[in-house]
Structures are given as C-alpha cells and as structure tokens.
C-alpha cells in the first residue's frame, strides 16, 4: 500500500493536509458516537480484556487525544509510519531503537509534536510503565 500511486496521491492531497491541520482529534476521540463505533470495532474483532493488544487498543482514544494535544497532527504521523513501517513489518532482526535514529522520527518530532508532553499523557505513561 505504501508503495502505491494511490498512497502517494493521498499523501499529496491538499484535502488531507487541510484535515490534518484543522481536525481536532481530541474532539473526535471524545465524541460519544465515535467511541461507540470504536468499541464496536474492538468487539467485532474479538479484542476483549484477555487479548494481548487490549491494553493498547482500549486506550487508543486517549492516546490519539494526547498525541493531538501535544502538537501531533495526521500528516506527520502518516509520514512517520510510511518511513518506518517497511522495517517494522519485516520483523527479522528489527531493532526498535533504529526508529529513534530514522529520518522519519526526526520529521515527526520536527513537525511540532512534543514527545516529552506525549509521554506525560496518562494513557501513554501507563503503557510505557508496564
């Protein structure tokens, strides 16, 4: 997907940039309808409390809200994912610390996203502390 022309068109879209700049993700994450839909998706995927991803996925609305409140926006995180996903999905001999040295990570942090603020978000600090 990340190597497709469609992805490039999507990433270069002025509409995506406008949504990234203007969409208040905290507002979206606190919307009752969104939360209900999100919980429904979790249920339909059988992500219950005993699922290994539950601690992260169940906190996604709080994590996304924290990301936004710490200066994070949609386009920079998509660019970050685009840059690191190929290495992450390979799995073989992947060094998670290499992400911190990647140009994609530098771009994310340079976009105005405050990493220290983000690690202070309770949902994030709780996960990091586990």
Foldseek 3Di string as FASTA:
>chain_A
DLPDPVVVCVLPDPVLVCCQVPPQLLVQLPDPVNLVVLVVVCVVVVPDPVDPCNLPSVCVSLLSNQQVVQPFTDSLVVQLCSQCVVLVVVVPPRDPVVSVVDPSVVSRVVNRGDVVSSCVRVSNVVVVVD
